[in-house]
């Protein structure tokens, strides 16, 4: 059983997709870079392989971020483990593997990094991915506070909630819908995640009244970040965390 988490200690800043733009996305190298910068928290994406194993990857297909091809959901673990996640994104990181959630969890714990795990289900695997990832989190963070878990997929979050009733969940939208409270309350969610652009003060007031921290992506400018924190945004995701760390320290 994971430790109950009625609240979650939010940092001001998350390195997006492990290390932002400073390392290949969703890799262990990115986690190391984030920790060396002084980041306290990271965000990364998780999808299931053909064997049902959670791996860190954003797209449903392999071509953009690895030297492989085809659908992640149709690729077995033995082939995913052989892929190079560095050569197409950051040639200096050539040979960097695609990590499993288990490997990322172990490194986050060793480096003292909080994590926001985004469930990124392939089409048709929404509920299964939520269930498998939540169960894996219960094992991988067994003796420590669980990560924050978010998704654009309500089905994935609902499945995660069934498996792990105390797991802190984040409802993820590009822009929160007018009826955002209904899914938020149904999931017993902790936070709302959305794009920084178009974020209204009315929504921030409503979220504050509901006790829902607002987390915004993807912010790479220090002045924009400071303005969002002043408006009441709780935390930001950034591809350039090194630019935002000084401002984040001022707003802690």
Protein backbone atom coordinates (compact mmCIF):
# COMPACT_ATOMS: atom_id res chain seq x y z
CA UNK A 1 0.00 0.00 0.00
CA UNK A 2 1.23 3.49 -0.80
CA UNK A 3 1.34 6.03 2.00
CA UNK A 4 -1.92 8.05 2.22
CA UNK A 5 -1.50 11.49 0.66
CA UNK A 6 -4.47 13.77 1.36
CA UNK A 7 -2.19 16.67 0.40
CA UNK A 8 0.99 16.84 -1.63
CA UNK A 9 3.97 19.13 -0.94
CA UNK A 10 4.10 21.11 -4.16
CA UNK A 11 7.39 22.55 -5.37
CA UNK A 12 7.25 25.74 -7.42
CA UNK A 13 8.94 24.17 -10.45
CA UNK A 14 9.01 20.86 -12.32
CA UNK A 15 11.55 20.02 -15.00
CA UNK A 16 9.36 18.99 -17.96
CA UNK A 17 9.85 15.46 -19.33
CA UNK A 18 12.69 14.77 -16.88
CA UNK A 19 15.31 17.35 -17.84
CA UNK A 20 13.50 19.80 -20.07
CA UNK A 21 15.42 20.80 -23.20
CA UNK A 22 18.79 20.05 -21.60
CA UNK A 23 18.70 16.28 -22.16
CA UNK A 24 16.73 13.76 -24.21
CA UNK A 25 13.14 13.84 -22.98
CA UNK A 26 11.86 11.16 -20.64
CA UNK A 27 15.29 9.70 -19.90
CA UNK A 28 17.39 8.93 -16.85
CA UNK A 29 19.97 11.39 -18.18
CA UNK A 30 17.30 14.08 -17.90
CA UNK A 31 16.68 13.20 -14.26
CA UNK A 32 20.39 13.53 -13.52
CA UNK A 33 20.56 16.89 -15.30
CA UNK A 34 17.53 18.17 -13.36
CA UNK A 35 19.03 17.13 -10.04
CA UNK A 36 22.38 18.72 -10.87
CA UNK A 37 20.63 21.99 -11.68
CA UNK A 38 19.03 21.98 -8.25
CA UNK A 39 15.49 21.06 -9.35
CA UNK A 40 13.41 19.48 -6.62
CA UNK A 41 10.83 17.92 -8.94
CA UNK A 42 10.42 16.44 -12.40
CA UNK A 43 7.55 15.47 -14.67
CA UNK A 44 7.57 12.56 -17.10
CA UNK A 45 5.21 10.56 -19.33
CA UNK A 46 4.41 6.86 -18.99
CA UNK A 47 2.93 4.47 -21.57
CA UNK A 48 2.57 0.69 -21.72
CA UNK A 49 4.59 -1.61 -23.96
CA UNK A 50 3.15 -4.63 -25.76
CA UNK A 51 4.02 -6.61 -22.63
CA UNK A 52 2.05 -4.23 -20.42
CA UNK A 53 5.16 -2.72 -18.80
CA UNK A 54 5.19 1.04 -18.03
CA UNK A 55 7.95 2.89 -19.94
CA UNK A 56 8.83 6.58 -20.09
CA UNK A 57 7.81 7.91 -23.50
CA UNK A 58 5.51 10.66 -24.73
CA UNK A 59 4.34 9.66 -28.21
CA UNK A 60 2.32 6.62 -29.22
CA UNK A 61 4.99 5.96 -31.86
CA UNK A 62 8.76 5.64 -31.55
CA UNK A 63 10.07 7.65 -34.48
CA UNK A 64 10.34 11.16 -33.00
CA UNK A 65 12.27 10.35 -29.83
CA UNK A 66 14.12 7.09 -30.57
CA UNK A 67 15.91 5.26 -33.37
CA UNK A 68 13.03 2.79 -33.51
CA UNK A 69 9.77 2.74 -35.43
CA UNK A 70 6.22 1.58 -34.89
CA UNK A 71 3.75 1.86 -32.04
CA UNK A 72 4.89 1.69 -28.44
CA UNK A 73 1.86 -0.42 -27.55
CA UNK A 74 2.90 -2.99 -30.17
CA UNK A 75 6.57 -3.12 -29.18
CA UNK A 76 7.74 -5.73 -26.64
CA UNK A 77 10.04 -4.91 -23.75
CA UNK A 78 13.01 -6.71 -25.27
CA UNK A 79 12.97 -4.35 -28.27
CA UNK A 80 12.24 -1.17 -26.29
CA UNK A 81 15.27 -1.91 -24.13
CA UNK A 82 17.53 -1.82 -27.21
CA UNK A 83 16.40 1.59 -28.47
CA UNK A 84 18.50 4.75 -28.41
CA UNK A 85 16.55 7.70 -26.96
CA UNK A 86 19.41 10.15 -27.37
CA UNK A 87 20.61 10.10 -30.94
CA UNK A 88 17.61 11.85 -32.53
CA UNK A 89 17.04 14.37 -29.75
CA UNK A 90 20.54 15.13 -28.39
CA UNK A 91 23.39 13.44 -30.30
CA UNK A 92 25.69 14.13 -27.33
CA UNK A 93 23.52 11.65 -25.41
CA UNK A 94 23.75 8.95 -28.07
CA UNK A 95 23.16 5.54 -26.55
CA UNK A 96 20.82 6.81 -23.81
CA UNK A 97 18.14 4.13 -23.33
CA UNK A 98 14.39 4.45 -22.99
CA UNK A 99 13.82 3.85 -19.26
CA UNK A 100 11.14 1.84 -17.53
CA UNK A 101 9.02 3.45 -14.83
CA UNK A 102 10.81 1.19 -12.36
CA UNK A 103 14.21 2.59 -13.35
CA UNK A 104 12.96 6.19 -13.22
CA UNK A 105 11.36 5.66 -9.81
CA UNK A 106 14.55 4.21 -8.37
CA UNK A 107 16.63 7.12 -9.68
CA UNK A 108 14.14 9.75 -8.49
CA UNK A 109 14.26 8.28 -5.02
CA UNK A 110 18.07 8.12 -5.04
CA UNK A 111 18.35 11.73 -6.24
CA UNK A 112 15.64 13.01 -3.89
CA UNK A 113 13.38 14.18 -6.73
CA UNK A 114 9.63 14.52 -6.40
CA UNK A 115 7.79 13.31 -9.47
CA UNK A 116 4.67 14.08 -11.44
CA UNK A 117 3.88 10.94 -13.43
CA UNK A 118 1.71 11.73 -16.43
CA UNK A 119 -0.26 8.70 -17.60
CA UNK A 120 -0.03 8.83 -21.40
CA UNK A 121 -2.20 5.94 -22.60
CA UNK A 122 -2.15 4.74 -26.17
CA UNK A 123 -5.55 4.93 -27.83
CA UNK A 124 -7.75 2.13 -26.55
CA UNK A 125 -5.57 1.45 -23.48
CA UNK A 126 -6.77 4.27 -21.22
CA UNK A 127 -8.20 2.31 -18.30
CA UNK A 128 -5.59 -0.44 -18.46
CA UNK A 129 -2.74 2.08 -18.41
CA UNK A 130 -4.23 3.90 -15.42
CA UNK A 131 -4.64 0.66 -13.53
CA UNK A 132 -1.16 -0.69 -14.31
CA UNK A 133 0.63 2.58 -13.58
CA UNK A 134 -1.19 3.11 -10.28
CA UNK A 135 -0.41 -0.42 -9.18
CA UNK A 136 3.25 -0.01 -10.19
CA UNK A 137 3.49 3.24 -8.23
CA UNK A 138 2.18 1.45 -5.17
CA UNK A 139 5.08 -0.98 -5.41
CA UNK A 140 7.83 1.39 -6.54
CA UNK A 141 7.13 4.07 -3.93
CA UNK A 142 6.01 1.56 -1.32
CA UNK A 143 7.93 3.11 1.58
CA UNK A 144 7.75 6.77 0.61
CA UNK A 145 5.25 9.40 -0.43
CA UNK A 146 3.68 8.62 -3.78
CA UNK A 147 4.21 10.86 -6.81
CA UNK A 148 1.54 13.15 -8.16
CA UNK A 149 -0.26 11.41 -11.06
CA UNK A 150 -1.92 13.35 -13.87
CA UNK A 151 -3.50 12.62 -17.24
CA UNK A 152 -5.62 14.10 -20.00
CA UNK A 153 -7.59 10.83 -19.85
CA UNK A 154 -10.42 10.73 -17.33
CA UNK A 155 -10.70 6.96 -17.87
CA UNK A 156 -7.04 6.50 -16.96
CA UNK A 157 -7.37 8.60 -13.82
CA UNK A 158 -10.59 6.85 -12.79
CA UNK A 159 -8.88 3.47 -13.13
CA UNK A 160 -5.92 4.73 -11.12
CA UNK A 161 -8.26 5.98 -8.41
CA UNK A 162 -9.92 2.55 -8.15
CA UNK A 163 -6.57 0.84 -7.70
CA UNK A 164 -5.05 3.46 -5.38
CA UNK A 165 -7.69 5.37 -3.39
CA UNK A 166 -5.11 7.63 -1.68
CA UNK A 167 -3.09 8.50 -4.78
CA UNK A 168 -2.83 12.28 -5.42
CA UNK A 169 -4.36 12.90 -8.85
CA UNK A 170 -4.14 15.88 -11.17
CA UNK A 171 -6.81 16.59 -13.78
CA UNK A 172 -5.02 17.71 -16.94
CA UNK A 173 -6.60 19.92 -19.60
CA UNK A 174 -5.29 22.32 -22.21
CA UNK A 175 -7.88 24.74 -20.82
CA UNK A 176 -10.16 23.73 -17.94
CA UNK A 177 -13.76 23.31 -19.15
CA UNK A 178 -16.64 25.23 -17.62
CA UNK A 179 -17.73 22.09 -15.75
CA UNK A 180 -14.24 21.20 -14.46
CA UNK A 181 -15.51 20.71 -10.91
CA UNK A 182 -17.59 17.65 -11.86
CA UNK A 183 -14.69 15.40 -12.96
CA UNK A 184 -12.40 16.94 -10.35
CA UNK A 185 -14.81 16.08 -7.54
CA UNK A 186 -15.69 12.67 -8.95
CA UNK A 187 -12.03 11.69 -9.02
CA UNK A 188 -11.37 13.25 -5.62
CA UNK A 189 -8.48 14.95 -7.36
CA UNK A 190 -5.78 17.03 -5.74
CA UNK A 191 -4.79 19.48 -8.48
CA UNK A 192 -5.66 20.97 -11.87
CA UNK A 193 -3.02 21.12 -14.61
CA UNK A 194 -3.43 23.30 -17.72
CA UNK A 195 -1.66 25.44 -20.31
CA UNK A 196 -0.40 28.79 -19.07
CA UNK A 197 -1.83 30.60 -22.09
CA UNK A 198 -5.42 31.69 -21.66
CA UNK A 199 -5.51 31.02 -17.92
CA UNK A 200 -8.19 33.30 -16.49
CA UNK A 201 -8.25 35.00 -13.12
CA UNK A 202 -11.84 33.78 -12.69
CA UNK A 203 -10.68 30.19 -12.95
CA UNK A 204 -7.85 30.80 -10.47
CA UNK A 205 -10.37 32.23 -7.99
CA UNK A 206 -12.68 29.24 -8.47
CA UNK A 207 -9.81 26.75 -8.10
CA UNK A 208 -8.62 28.47 -4.95
CA UNK A 209 -12.12 28.32 -3.48
CA UNK A 210 -12.20 24.59 -4.25
CA UNK A 211 -8.80 24.06 -2.62
CA UNK A 212 -7.33 22.94 -5.94
CA UNK A 213 -3.72 23.94 -6.67
CA UNK A 214 -3.23 25.02 -10.30
CA UNK A 215 -0.15 23.79 -12.18
CA UNK A 216 0.70 25.30 -15.60
CA UNK A 217 2.75 24.12 -18.58
CA UNK A 218 5.04 24.86 -20.42
CA UNK A 219 6.67 28.05 -19.13
CA UNK A 220 10.24 28.92 -20.14
CA UNK A 221 10.43 32.65 -19.46
CA UNK A 222 11.32 33.89 -15.98
CA UNK A 223 9.15 37.01 -16.17
CA UNK A 224 6.11 35.01 -17.28
CA UNK A 225 6.79 32.52 -14.50
CA UNK A 226 6.97 35.23 -11.84
CA UNK A 227 3.73 36.76 -13.10
CA UNK A 228 1.94 33.40 -12.94
CA UNK A 229 3.15 32.74 -9.40
CA UNK A 230 1.98 36.21 -8.35
CA UNK A 231 -1.46 35.47 -9.81
CA UNK A 232 -1.78 32.39 -7.63
CA UNK A 233 -0.51 29.54 -9.83
CA UNK A 234 1.05 26.97 -7.52
CA UNK A 235 3.63 25.35 -9.79
CA UNK A 236 5.03 25.41 -13.31
CA UNK A 237 6.45 22.90 -15.77
CA UNK A 238 9.41 24.12 -17.78
CA UNK A 239 11.67 22.98 -20.61
CA UNK A 240 14.23 25.53 -19.38
CA UNK A 241 14.25 25.03 -15.63
CA UNK A 242 17.67 26.66 -15.31
CA UNK A 243 16.07 29.97 -16.33
CA UNK A 244 13.29 29.71 -13.74
CA UNK A 245 15.09 28.34 -10.70
CA UNK A 246 16.20 31.75 -9.32
CA UNK A 247 12.64 33.13 -9.60
CA UNK A 248 11.21 29.91 -8.13
CA UNK A 249 13.42 30.34 -5.06
CA UNK A 250 12.08 33.86 -4.54
CA UNK A 251 8.48 32.61 -4.60
CA UNK A 252 8.93 29.60 -2.30
